[in-house]
Amino acid sequence: MAVQYRDYYEILGVDKSASQDDIKRAFKKLARKYHPDVAKDKANAEEKFKEVNEAYEVLGDPEKRQKYDTLGPNWDQSQGFPGGGGRGGYGGGGGSYDFHFDGSTGFSDFFESMFGGRSSGDPFGAFGGGQRARSNRPMAGQDIEADLLVRIEEIMEGSTREIRLARPTSSGGPSKESKIRVKVPKGIGEGQMIRCAGLGYPGVNGGPDGDLYMRVRLERHPSYNVAGTDLTNELVLAPWEAVLGTTVTIPTPHGSVKLSIKPNTQPGTHMRLKGKGLPKGNSGYGDLYVEITVEFPDSPSEEELDLWRKLSETSDFNPRG
């Protein structure tokens, strides 16, 4: 199965020279547009959000971005990738023993080929290569790892995902497709593994099949960042809201809450909402921290500029005093 290259810069609508801040802003803008909770066209939004999330997973991580940029569109000609000079990776170049998920994990097969922990061992020894294949003894099949994109909403109470999986057959023939159900436990965290017994590479000479391990990748949410079971929400205020105070409605995984902003709230202020974070297993929840930032109009009108001028003339405030 051919794995298609994905242009993550094009998906986010940024230039290859874009700064990390530019990439972050582009992601937030698109995520707020396509996130299933807020999108108007929900039928198409989910797939689009997955693309945006995957692009930011790579470009938002300097290490992954460097690898992606270095390999480029000819990534599959590199050692260790399907179709390339090496024999490592997910499909092994020959194409007969592919594992693939058709995007049902939330990540494309391209992402898994380049960044996933596709196999925890040498999957090819069991299919005609190396000394092990010449033995008549039963041998266990190799385990395999893949990434599973999990929405924050899914881990609040747990969920069950249906995944399309194509995996090798014990006879060494073409990959066989099936649907599997993967249980996402309540409170599972970033990087934790979900074991799917017997869904790895087939065993040899009657040996047991290996296992499939799904590594949880929490989605990059447009409203908050994840740190363990705690969340951080960046709340952007207008200058007058920070000075005069206001009441705003903010999202949390437990539903929207109203938050009172006191007059003269300074940028960088942190406000803690106890118990509004992610589950701590089956007992309690983390916290949600709201971080205050202040933004100014990009293109103020002439009337607004006049008001700023009057303020500068009447105010005795000196931030450098």
C-alpha atoms as a PDB file:
ATOM      1  CA  MET A   1       0.000   0.000   0.000  1.00  0.00           C
ATOM      2  CA  ALA A   2       1.527   3.306  -1.091  1.00  0.00           C
ATOM      3  CA  VAL A   3       1.747   5.941   1.626  1.00  0.00           C
ATOM      4  CA  GLN A   4       1.169   9.474   0.363  1.00  0.00           C
ATOM      5  CA  TYR A   5       3.277  12.450   1.455  1.00  0.00           C
ATOM      6  CA  ARG A   6       1.378  15.182   3.344  1.00  0.00           C
ATOM      7  CA  ASP A   7       2.249  18.871   3.078  1.00  0.00           C
ATOM      8  CA  TYR A   8       1.709  20.087   6.626  1.00  0.00           C
ATOM      9  CA  TYR A   9       2.651  23.668   5.769  1.00  0.00           C
ATOM     10  CA  GLU A  10      -0.085  23.789   3.158  1.00  0.00           C
ATOM     11  CA  ILE A  11      -2.610  22.300   5.586  1.00  0.00           C
ATOM     12  CA  LEU A  12      -1.910  25.070   8.137  1.00  0.00           C
ATOM     13  CA  GLY A  13      -1.632  27.717   5.428  1.00  0.00           C
ATOM     14  CA  VAL A  14       1.825  28.909   6.485  1.00  0.00           C
ATOM     15  CA  ASP A  15       5.148  29.351   4.705  1.00  0.00           C
ATOM     16  CA  LYS A  16       8.033  26.966   5.370  1.00  0.00           C
ATOM     17  CA  SER A  17       9.914  29.860   6.976  1.00  0.00           C
ATOM     18  CA  ALA A  18       7.076  30.475   9.468  1.00  0.00           C
ATOM     19  CA  SER A  19       8.092  30.942  13.101  1.00  0.00           C
ATOM     20  CA  GLN A  20       6.795  28.664  15.856  1.00  0.00           C
ATOM     21  CA  ASP A  21       4.519  31.504  16.981  1.00  0.00           C
ATOM     22  CA  ASP A  22       3.122  31.837  13.444  1.00  0.00           C
ATOM     23  CA  ILE A  23       2.449  28.107  13.340  1.00  0.00           C
ATOM     24  CA  LYS A  24       0.730  28.214  16.735  1.00  0.00           C
ATOM     25  CA  ARG A  25      -1.502  31.106  15.657  1.00  0.00           C
ATOM     26  CA  ALA A  26      -2.400  29.361  12.396  1.00  0.00           C
ATOM     27  CA  PHE A  27      -3.325  26.183  14.262  1.00  0.00           C
ATOM     28  CA  LYS A  28      -5.515  28.000  16.788  1.00  0.00           C
ATOM     29  CA  LYS A  29      -7.340  29.868  14.042  1.00  0.00           C
ATOM     30  CA  LEU A  30      -8.077  26.698  12.068  1.00  0.00           C
ATOM     31  CA  ALA A  31      -8.789  24.615  15.178  1.00  0.00           C
ATOM     32  CA  ARG A  32     -11.419  27.081  16.333  1.00  0.00           C
ATOM     33  CA  LYS A  33     -12.984  26.884  12.881  1.00  0.00           C
ATOM     34  CA  TYR A  34     -12.987  23.105  12.477  1.00  0.00           C
ATOM     35  CA  HIS A  35     -13.189  21.716  16.005  1.00  0.00           C
ATOM     36  CA  PRO A  36     -16.289  19.461  16.068  1.00  0.00           C
ATOM     37  CA  ASP A  37     -17.688  21.267  19.126  1.00  0.00           C
ATOM     38  CA  VAL A  38     -17.957  24.620  17.341  1.00  0.00           C
ATOM     39  CA  ALA A  39     -17.841  23.919  13.587  1.00  0.00           C
ATOM     40  CA  LYS A  40     -20.919  24.764  11.527  1.00  0.00           C
ATOM     41  CA  ASP A  41     -20.275  22.071   8.912  1.00  0.00           C
ATOM     42  CA  LYS A  42     -19.873  19.173  11.327  1.00  0.00           C
ATOM     43  CA  ALA A  43     -19.982  16.544   8.561  1.00  0.00           C
ATOM     44  CA  ASN A  44     -16.688  17.720   7.070  1.00  0.00           C
ATOM     45  CA  ALA A  45     -15.182  19.424  10.101  1.00  0.00           C
ATOM     46  CA  GLU A  46     -14.024  16.303  11.942  1.00  0.00           C
ATOM     47  CA  GLU A  47     -11.737  15.086   9.142  1.00  0.00           C
ATOM     48  CA  LYS A  48     -10.445  18.592   8.542  1.00  0.00           C
ATOM     49  CA  PHE A  49      -9.684  19.031  12.240  1.00  0.00           C
ATOM     50  CA  LYS A  50      -7.744  15.752  12.250  1.00  0.00           C
ATOM     51  CA  GLU A  51      -5.597  17.059   9.385  1.00  0.00           C
ATOM     52  CA  VAL A  52      -4.973  20.343  11.194  1.00  0.00           C
ATOM     53  CA  ASN A  53      -4.194  18.550  14.462  1.00  0.00           C
ATOM     54  CA  GLU A  54      -1.736  16.199  12.739  1.00  0.00           C
ATOM     55  CA  ALA A  55      -0.001  19.088  10.978  1.00  0.00           C
ATOM     56  CA  TYR A  56       0.433  20.941  14.271  1.00  0.00           C
ATOM     57  CA  GLU A  57       1.584  17.771  16.024  1.00  0.00           C
ATOM     58  CA  VAL A  58       4.539  17.815  13.624  1.00  0.00           C
ATOM     59  CA  LEU A  59       5.212  21.496  12.903  1.00  0.00           C
ATOM     60  CA  GLY A  60       4.485  22.573  16.482  1.00  0.00           C
ATOM     61  CA  ASP A  61       7.242  20.258  17.737  1.00  0.00           C
ATOM     62  CA  PRO A  62      10.695  21.616  16.723  1.00  0.00           C
ATOM     63  CA  GLU A  63      12.254  18.137  16.732  1.00  0.00           C
ATOM     64  CA  LYS A  64       9.531  16.585  14.551  1.00  0.00           C
ATOM     65  CA  ARG A  65       9.543  19.648  12.297  1.00  0.00           C
ATOM     66  CA  GLN A  66      13.287  19.347  11.700  1.00  0.00           C
ATOM     67  CA  LYS A  67      12.946  15.682  10.763  1.00  0.00           C
ATOM     68  CA  TYR A  68      10.012  16.466   8.452  1.00  0.00           C
ATOM     69  CA  ASP A  69      11.892  19.312   6.761  1.00  0.00           C
ATOM     70  CA  THR A  70      15.074  17.278   6.404  1.00  0.00           C
ATOM     71  CA  LEU A  71      13.425  14.306   4.705  1.00  0.00           C
ATOM     72  CA  GLY A  72      10.976  16.366   2.619  1.00  0.00           C
ATOM     73  CA  PRO A  73       8.754  15.009  -0.187  1.00  0.00           C
ATOM     74  CA  ASN A  74      11.305  12.244  -0.923  1.00  0.00           C
ATOM     75  CA  TRP A  75      10.993  10.932   2.625  1.00  0.00           C
ATOM     76  CA  ASP A  76      10.242   7.400   1.417  1.00  0.00           C
ATOM     77  CA  GLN A  77      13.615   7.119  -0.312  1.00  0.00           C
ATOM     78  CA  SER A  78      15.373   7.327   3.037  1.00  0.00           C
ATOM     79  CA  GLN A  79      16.654   4.362   4.972  1.00  0.00           C
ATOM     80  CA  GLY A  80      14.079   2.834   7.267  1.00  0.00           C
ATOM     81  CA  PHE A  81      10.871   3.919   5.488  1.00  0.00           C
ATOM     82  CA  PRO A  82       8.426   1.926   3.358  1.00  0.00           C
ATOM     83  CA  GLY A  83       9.569   1.895  -0.248  1.00  0.00           C
ATOM     84  CA  GLY A  84      13.012   3.187   0.701  1.00  0.00           C
ATOM     85  CA  GLY A  85      16.410   1.612   1.024  1.00  0.00           C
ATOM     86  CA  GLY A  86      15.851   0.218   4.506  1.00  0.00           C
ATOM     87  CA  ARG A  87      13.629  -2.530   5.831  1.00  0.00           C
ATOM     88  CA  GLY A  88      12.434  -0.857   9.003  1.00  0.00           C
ATOM     89  CA  GLY A  89       9.113   0.843   9.543  1.00  0.00           C
ATOM     90  CA  TYR A  90       5.510  -0.044   9.098  1.00  0.00           C
ATOM     91  CA  GLY A  91       5.226  -1.822   5.800  1.00  0.00           C
ATOM     92  CA  GLY A  92       8.750  -2.876   4.922  1.00  0.00           C
ATOM     93  CA  GLY A  93       9.013  -1.687   1.345  1.00  0.00           C
ATOM     94  CA  GLY A  94       7.685  -4.891  -0.198  1.00  0.00           C
ATOM     95  CA  GLY A  95       4.112  -3.876   0.523  1.00  0.00           C
ATOM     96  CA  SER A  96       2.919  -7.428   1.262  1.00  0.00           C
ATOM     97  CA  TYR A  97       2.940  -7.127   5.030  1.00  0.00           C
ATOM     98  CA  ASP A  98       1.504  -3.659   5.578  1.00  0.00           C
ATOM     99  CA  PHE A  99      -0.184  -2.602   8.755  1.00  0.00           C
ATOM    100  CA  HIS A 100      -2.430   0.343   8.001  1.00  0.00           C
ATOM    101  CA  PHE A 101      -5.468   2.016   9.538  1.00  0.00           C
ATOM    102  CA  ASP A 102      -6.819   4.218   6.717  1.00  0.00           C
ATOM    103  CA  GLY A 103      -6.769   7.226   9.025  1.00  0.00           C
ATOM    104  CA  SER A 104      -9.203   5.667  11.515  1.00  0.00           C
ATOM    105  CA  THR A 105      -6.772   6.251  14.411  1.00  0.00           C
ATOM    106  CA  GLY A 106      -6.948  10.012  13.823  1.00  0.00           C
ATOM    107  CA  PHE A 107      -3.505  10.033  12.190  1.00  0.00           C
ATOM    108  CA  SER A 108      -2.621   9.334   8.582  1.00  0.00           C
ATOM    109  CA  ASP A 109      -0.475   6.372   7.602  1.00  0.00           C
ATOM    110  CA  PHE A 110       2.126   8.934   6.458  1.00  0.00           C
ATOM    111  CA  PHE A 111       2.373  10.284  10.022  1.00  0.00           C
ATOM    112  CA  GLU A 112       2.668   6.771  11.426  1.00  0.00           C
ATOM    113  CA  SER A 113       5.335   5.870   8.867  1.00  0.00           C
ATOM    114  CA  MET A 114       7.483   8.868   9.745  1.00  0.00           C
ATOM    115  CA  PHE A 115       6.798   9.430  13.453  1.00  0.00           C
ATOM    116  CA  GLY A 116       4.987   6.394  14.877  1.00  0.00           C
ATOM    117  CA  GLY A 117       6.551   3.529  16.816  1.00  0.00           C
ATOM    118  CA  ARG A 118       5.376   1.153  14.132  1.00  0.00           C
ATOM    119  CA  SER A 119       7.112  -1.972  15.310  1.00  0.00           C
ATOM    120  CA  SER A 120       8.817  -2.775  18.597  1.00  0.00           C
ATOM    121  CA  GLY A 121      11.058  -5.375  16.948  1.00  0.00           C
ATOM    122  CA  ASP A 122      12.110  -6.696  13.554  1.00  0.00           C
ATOM    123  CA  PRO A 123       8.843  -7.675  11.850  1.00  0.00           C
ATOM    124  CA  PHE A 124      10.593  -9.170   8.859  1.00  0.00           C
ATOM    125  CA  GLY A 125      12.467 -11.952  10.615  1.00  0.00           C
ATOM    126  CA  ALA A 126       9.219 -13.873  10.831  1.00  0.00           C
ATOM    127  CA  PHE A 127       8.636 -13.645   7.070  1.00  0.00           C
ATOM    128  CA  GLY A 128      11.591 -15.251   5.400  1.00  0.00           C
ATOM    129  CA  GLY A 129      14.566 -13.243   6.652  1.00  0.00           C
ATOM    130  CA  GLY A 130      17.182 -14.141   9.234  1.00  0.00           C
ATOM    131  CA  GLN A 131      17.903 -17.327  11.126  1.00  0.00           C
ATOM    132  CA  ARG A 132      14.621 -17.346  13.000  1.00  0.00           C
ATOM    133  CA  ALA A 133      12.617 -17.927   9.837  1.00  0.00           C
ATOM    134  CA  ARG A 134      14.630 -21.092   9.069  1.00  0.00           C
ATOM    135  CA  SER A 135      13.717 -22.613  12.414  1.00  0.00           C
ATOM    136  CA  ASN A 136      10.797 -25.027  12.756  1.00  0.00           C
ATOM    137  CA  ARG A 137      10.167 -23.981  16.341  1.00  0.00           C
ATOM    138  CA  PRO A 138       7.037 -21.985  17.191  1.00  0.00           C
ATOM    139  CA  MET A 139       7.863 -18.288  17.487  1.00  0.00           C
ATOM    140  CA  ALA A 140       5.712 -15.435  18.736  1.00  0.00           C
ATOM    141  CA  GLY A 141       4.846 -12.671  16.321  1.00  0.00           C
ATOM    142  CA  GLN A 142       6.289  -9.220  16.889  1.00  0.00           C
ATOM    143  CA  ASP A 143       4.345  -6.522  18.728  1.00  0.00           C
ATOM    144  CA  ILE A 144       3.501  -3.335  16.894  1.00  0.00           C
ATOM    145  CA  GLU A 145       2.777   0.208  18.087  1.00  0.00           C
ATOM    146  CA  ALA A 146       0.590   2.905  16.566  1.00  0.00           C
ATOM    147  CA  ASP A 147      -0.702   6.311  17.660  1.00  0.00           C
ATOM    148  CA  LEU A 148      -4.336   6.925  18.567  1.00  0.00           C
ATOM    149  CA  LEU A 149      -5.642  10.489  18.524  1.00  0.00           C
ATOM    150  CA  VAL A 150      -8.003  10.862  21.493  1.00  0.00           C
ATOM    151  CA  ARG A 151     -10.284  13.810  22.071  1.00  0.00           C
ATOM    152  CA  ILE A 152     -10.303  15.317  25.534  1.00  0.00           C
ATOM    153  CA  GLU A 153     -14.043  14.726  25.701  1.00  0.00           C
ATOM    154  CA  GLU A 154     -13.457  10.985  25.237  1.00  0.00           C
ATOM    155  CA  ILE A 155     -11.409  10.554  28.395  1.00  0.00           C
ATOM    156  CA  MET A 156     -13.899  12.360  30.621  1.00  0.00           C
ATOM    157  CA  GLU A 157     -16.066   9.244  30.909  1.00  0.00           C
ATOM    158  CA  GLY A 158     -14.207   6.788  28.687  1.00  0.00           C
ATOM    159  CA  SER A 159     -15.244   5.731  25.193  1.00  0.00           C
ATOM    160  CA  THR A 160     -15.047   2.955  22.621  1.00  0.00           C
ATOM    161  CA  ARG A 161     -13.472   3.567  19.212  1.00  0.00           C
ATOM    162  CA  GLU A 162     -13.943   1.538  16.048  1.00  0.00           C
ATOM    163  CA  ILE A 163     -10.659   1.210  14.153  1.00  0.00           C
ATOM    164  CA  ARG A 164     -10.141  -0.144  10.629  1.00  0.00           C
ATOM    165  CA  LEU A 165      -7.083  -2.360  10.641  1.00  0.00           C
ATOM    166  CA  ALA A 166      -5.268  -4.175   7.853  1.00  0.00           C
ATOM    167  CA  ARG A 167      -2.648  -6.604   9.131  1.00  0.00           C
ATOM    168  CA  PRO A 168      -0.525  -9.421   7.678  1.00  0.00           C
ATOM    169  CA  THR A 169      -1.766 -12.993   7.518  1.00  0.00           C
ATOM    170  CA  SER A 170       0.124 -15.972   8.873  1.00  0.00           C
ATOM    171  CA  SER A 171       0.479 -17.314   5.331  1.00  0.00           C
ATOM    172  CA  GLY A 172       2.397 -14.213   4.278  1.00  0.00           C
ATOM    173  CA  GLY A 173      -0.274 -13.181   1.787  1.00  0.00           C
ATOM    174  CA  PRO A 174      -1.841  -9.724   1.333  1.00  0.00           C
ATOM    175  CA  SER A 175      -2.909  -7.842   4.437  1.00  0.00           C
ATOM    176  CA  LYS A 176      -6.354  -8.739   5.738  1.00  0.00           C
ATOM    177  CA  GLU A 177      -8.711  -5.911   6.679  1.00  0.00           C
ATOM    178  CA  SER A 178     -11.001  -5.962   9.700  1.00  0.00           C
ATOM    179  CA  LYS A 179     -12.669  -3.641  12.191  1.00  0.00           C
ATOM    180  CA  ILE A 180     -11.641  -3.670  15.821  1.00  0.00           C
ATOM    181  CA  ARG A 181     -13.110  -1.947  18.869  1.00  0.00           C
ATOM    182  CA  VAL A 182     -10.643  -0.168  21.141  1.00  0.00           C
ATOM    183  CA  LYS A 183     -11.719   0.825  24.652  1.00  0.00           C
ATOM    184  CA  VAL A 184     -10.392   4.226  25.765  1.00  0.00           C
ATOM    185  CA  PRO A 185     -10.432   4.185  29.595  1.00  0.00           C
ATOM    186  CA  LYS A 186     -11.597   7.179  31.603  1.00  0.00           C
ATOM    187  CA  GLY A 187      -8.688   9.377  32.616  1.00  0.00           C
ATOM    188  CA  ILE A 188      -6.066   7.781  30.354  1.00  0.00           C
ATOM    189  CA  GLY A 189      -3.203  10.191  29.717  1.00  0.00           C
ATOM    190  CA  GLU A 190      -0.860  11.316  26.965  1.00  0.00           C
ATOM    191  CA  GLY A 191       1.602   8.607  25.961  1.00  0.00           C
ATOM    192  CA  GLN A 192      -0.117   5.751  27.785  1.00  0.00           C
ATOM    193  CA  MET A 193      -0.622   2.481  25.919  1.00  0.00           C
ATOM    194  CA  ILE A 194      -3.808   0.556  25.180  1.00  0.00           C
ATOM    195  CA  ARG A 195      -3.067  -3.135  24.534  1.00  0.00           C
ATOM    196  CA  CYS A 196      -4.990  -4.990  21.847  1.00  0.00           C
ATOM    197  CA  ALA A 197      -4.003  -8.626  22.372  1.00  0.00           C
ATOM    198  CA  GLY A 198      -3.191 -10.788  19.368  1.00  0.00           C
ATOM    199  CA  LEU A 199      -3.391  -8.010  16.763  1.00  0.00           C
ATOM    200  CA  GLY A 200       0.323  -7.658  16.062  1.00  0.00           C
ATOM    201  CA  TYR A 201       2.361  -9.678  13.553  1.00  0.00           C
ATOM    202  CA  PRO A 202       1.268 -13.305  13.159  1.00  0.00           C
ATOM    203  CA  GLY A 203       3.218 -15.982  14.954  1.00  0.00           C
ATOM    204  CA  VAL A 204       5.364 -18.496  13.086  1.00  0.00           C
ATOM    205  CA  ASN A 205       4.984 -22.275  13.159  1.00  0.00           C
ATOM    206  CA  GLY A 206       1.998 -22.066  15.469  1.00  0.00           C
ATOM    207  CA  GLY A 207       3.463 -19.454  17.787  1.00  0.00           C
ATOM    208  CA  PRO A 208       1.139 -16.826  19.315  1.00  0.00           C
ATOM    209  CA  ASP A 209       0.415 -13.585  17.469  1.00  0.00           C
ATOM    210  CA  GLY A 210       2.006 -10.414  18.727  1.00  0.00           C
ATOM    211  CA  ASP A 211       0.041  -7.563  20.257  1.00  0.00           C
ATOM    212  CA  LEU A 212      -0.958  -4.144  18.974  1.00  0.00           C
ATOM    213  CA  TYR A 213      -0.257  -1.247  21.337  1.00  0.00           C
ATOM    214  CA  MET A 214      -2.126   2.004  20.717  1.00  0.00           C
ATOM    215  CA  ARG A 215      -0.240   4.999  22.114  1.00  0.00           C
ATOM    216  CA  VAL A 216      -2.620   7.743  23.263  1.00  0.00           C
ATOM    217  CA  ARG A 217      -2.056  11.187  21.734  1.00  0.00           C
ATOM    218  CA  LEU A 218      -4.384  13.781  23.190  1.00  0.00           C
ATOM    219  CA  GLU A 219      -5.662  16.189  20.570  1.00  0.00           C
ATOM    220  CA  ARG A 220      -4.314  19.742  20.521  1.00  0.00           C
ATOM    221  CA  HIS A 221      -7.405  21.547  21.753  1.00  0.00           C
ATOM    222  CA  PRO A 222      -8.050  25.116  20.547  1.00  0.00           C
ATOM    223  CA  SER A 223      -9.113  26.297  24.016  1.00  0.00           C
ATOM    224  CA  TYR A 224      -6.635  24.747  26.451  1.00  0.00           C
ATOM    225  CA  ASN A 225      -3.300  23.022  26.842  1.00  0.00           C
ATOM    226  CA  VAL A 226      -2.848  19.786  28.787  1.00  0.00           C
ATOM    227  CA  ALA A 227      -0.326  19.210  31.591  1.00  0.00           C
ATOM    228  CA  GLY A 228      -1.058  15.860  33.205  1.00  0.00           C
ATOM    229  CA  THR A 229      -4.581  16.166  34.556  1.00  0.00           C
ATOM    230  CA  ASP A 230      -4.432  19.970  34.703  1.00  0.00           C
ATOM    231  CA  LEU A 231      -5.449  22.314  31.903  1.00  0.00           C
ATOM    232  CA  THR A 232      -4.391  25.850  31.019  1.00  0.00           C
ATOM    233  CA  ASN A 233      -6.736  28.197  29.195  1.00  0.00           C
ATOM    234  CA  GLU A 234      -5.381  31.416  27.715  1.00  0.00           C
ATOM    235  CA  LEU A 235      -8.064  34.067  28.203  1.00  0.00           C
ATOM    236  CA  VAL A 236      -7.604  37.078  25.947  1.00  0.00           C
ATOM    237  CA  LEU A 237      -8.993  40.393  27.200  1.00  0.00           C
ATOM    238  CA  ALA A 238      -9.340  43.792  25.590  1.00  0.00           C
ATOM    239  CA  PRO A 239      -7.401  46.533  27.440  1.00  0.00           C
ATOM    240  CA  TRP A 240     -10.575  48.113  28.803  1.00  0.00           C
ATOM    241  CA  GLU A 241     -11.823  44.740  30.069  1.00  0.00           C
ATOM    242  CA  ALA A 242      -8.617  44.274  32.057  1.00  0.00           C
ATOM    243  CA  VAL A 243      -8.884  47.798  33.506  1.00  0.00           C
ATOM    244  CA  LEU A 244     -12.628  47.944  34.177  1.00  0.00           C
ATOM    245  CA  GLY A 245     -13.288  44.289  34.900  1.00  0.00           C
ATOM    246  CA  THR A 246     -15.788  42.064  33.128  1.00  0.00           C
ATOM    247  CA  THR A 247     -17.557  38.702  33.178  1.00  0.00           C
ATOM    248  CA  VAL A 248     -16.685  36.116  30.538  1.00  0.00           C
ATOM    249  CA  THR A 249     -17.894  32.612  29.723  1.00  0.00           C
ATOM    250  CA  ILE A 250     -15.117  30.065  29.222  1.00  0.00           C
ATOM    251  CA  PRO A 251     -15.254  26.419  28.138  1.00  0.00           C
ATOM    252  CA  THR A 252     -14.182  23.559  30.375  1.00  0.00           C
ATOM    253  CA  PRO A 253     -14.462  19.781  29.854  1.00  0.00           C
ATOM    254  CA  HIS A 254     -17.255  19.912  32.449  1.00  0.00           C
ATOM    255  CA  GLY A 255     -19.267  22.568  30.610  1.00  0.00           C
ATOM    256  CA  SER A 256     -19.056  26.333  30.284  1.00  0.00           C
ATOM    257  CA  VAL A 257     -18.563  28.467  33.386  1.00  0.00           C
ATOM    258  CA  LYS A 258     -18.808  32.208  34.024  1.00  0.00           C
ATOM    259  CA  LEU A 259     -15.665  33.861  35.288  1.00  0.00           C
ATOM    260  CA  SER A 260     -15.543  37.285  36.940  1.00  0.00           C
ATOM    261  CA  ILE A 261     -12.521  39.386  36.046  1.00  0.00           C
ATOM    262  CA  LYS A 262     -11.677  41.973  38.699  1.00  0.00           C
ATOM    263  CA  PRO A 263     -10.824  45.561  37.721  1.00  0.00           C
ATOM    264  CA  ASN A 264      -7.120  46.218  37.096  1.00  0.00           C
ATOM    265  CA  THR A 265      -6.331  42.573  36.349  1.00  0.00           C
ATOM    266  CA  GLN A 266      -2.769  42.372  35.079  1.00  0.00           C
ATOM    267  CA  PRO A 267      -1.599  40.285  32.067  1.00  0.00           C
ATOM    268  CA  GLY A 268       0.002  37.070  33.276  1.00  0.00           C
ATOM    269  CA  THR A 269      -2.480  36.673  36.141  1.00  0.00           C
ATOM    270  CA  HIS A 270      -3.422  33.031  36.760  1.00  0.00           C
ATOM    271  CA  MET A 271      -6.841  32.024  38.062  1.00  0.00           C
ATOM    272  CA  ARG A 272      -7.483  28.484  39.307  1.00  0.00           C
ATOM    273  CA  LEU A 273     -10.753  26.649  38.772  1.00  0.00           C
ATOM    274  CA  LYS A 274     -10.535  23.683  41.104  1.00  0.00           C
ATOM    275  CA  GLY A 275     -11.714  20.335  39.775  1.00  0.00           C
ATOM    276  CA  LYS A 276     -12.362  21.588  36.230  1.00  0.00           C
ATOM    277  CA  GLY A 277      -9.505  19.615  34.673  1.00  0.00           C
ATOM    278  CA  LEU A 278      -9.156  16.021  33.492  1.00  0.00           C
ATOM    279  CA  PRO A 279      -9.995  12.859  35.454  1.00  0.00           C
ATOM    280  CA  LYS A 280      -7.451  11.463  37.894  1.00  0.00           C
ATOM    281  CA  GLY A 281      -8.320   7.892  37.016  1.00  0.00           C
ATOM    282  CA  ASN A 282     -11.648   7.216  38.694  1.00  0.00           C
ATOM    283  CA  SER A 283     -11.117   9.547  41.658  1.00  0.00           C
ATOM    284  CA  GLY A 284     -11.284  13.289  41.333  1.00  0.00           C
ATOM    285  CA  TYR A 285     -10.192  15.754  38.684  1.00  0.00           C
ATOM    286  CA  GLY A 286      -7.304  18.058  37.998  1.00  0.00           C
ATOM    287  CA  ASP A 287      -7.639  21.832  37.866  1.00  0.00           C
ATOM    288  CA  LEU A 288      -8.110  24.387  35.117  1.00  0.00           C
ATOM    289  CA  TYR A 289      -5.799  27.399  35.195  1.00  0.00           C
ATOM    290  CA  VAL A 290      -6.856  30.518  33.334  1.00  0.00           C
ATOM    291  CA  GLU A 291      -3.978  32.723  32.187  1.00  0.00           C
ATOM    292  CA  ILE A 292      -4.852  36.336  31.390  1.00  0.00           C
ATOM    293  CA  THR A 293      -3.426  37.997  28.285  1.00  0.00           C
ATOM    294  CA  VAL A 294      -4.311  41.365  26.774  1.00  0.00           C
ATOM    295  CA  GLU A 295      -4.532  42.137  23.076  1.00  0.00           C
ATOM    296  CA  PHE A 296      -4.954  45.454  21.289  1.00  0.00           C
ATOM    297  CA  PRO A 297      -6.886  46.211  18.094  1.00  0.00           C
ATOM    298  CA  ASP A 298      -4.894  45.483  14.930  1.00  0.00           C
ATOM    299  CA  SER A 299      -6.364  48.393  12.968  1.00  0.00           C
ATOM    300  CA  PRO A 300      -7.983  50.928  15.304  1.00  0.00           C
ATOM    301  CA  SER A 301     -10.339  53.439  13.713  1.00  0.00           C
ATOM    302  CA  GLU A 302      -9.576  57.144  13.777  1.00  0.00           C
ATOM    303  CA  GLU A 303     -12.203  57.602  16.471  1.00  0.00           C
ATOM    304  CA  GLU A 304     -10.525  54.935  18.593  1.00  0.00           C
ATOM    305  CA  LEU A 305      -7.140  56.564  18.081  1.00  0.00           C
ATOM    306  CA  ASP A 306      -8.575  59.869  19.288  1.00  0.00           C
ATOM    307  CA  LEU A 307      -9.739  58.166  22.473  1.00  0.00           C
ATOM    308  CA  TRP A 308      -6.284  56.659  23.012  1.00  0.00           C
ATOM    309  CA  ARG A 309      -4.721  60.090  22.501  1.00  0.00           C
ATOM    310  CA  LYS A 310      -7.073  61.643  25.060  1.00  0.00           C
ATOM    311  CA  LEU A 311      -6.224  58.866  27.498  1.00  0.00           C
ATOM    312  CA  SER A 312      -2.501  59.456  27.013  1.00  0.00           C
ATOM    313  CA  GLU A 313      -3.006  63.172  27.696  1.00  0.00           C
ATOM    314  CA  THR A 314      -5.147  62.755  30.817  1.00  0.00           C
ATOM    315  CA  SER A 315      -3.530  59.719  32.450  1.00  0.00           C
ATOM    316  CA  ASP A 316      -0.498  60.083  34.736  1.00  0.00           C
ATOM    317  CA  PHE A 317       0.283  56.351  34.498  1.00  0.00           C
ATOM    318  CA  ASN A 318       3.913  55.623  33.650  1.00  0.00           C
ATOM    319  CA  PRO A 319       4.692  51.899  33.178  1.00  0.00           C
ATOM    320  CA  ARG A 320       8.427  52.650  33.308  1.00  0.00           C
ATOM    321  CA  GLY A 321       8.211  54.766  36.444  1.00  0.00           C
END
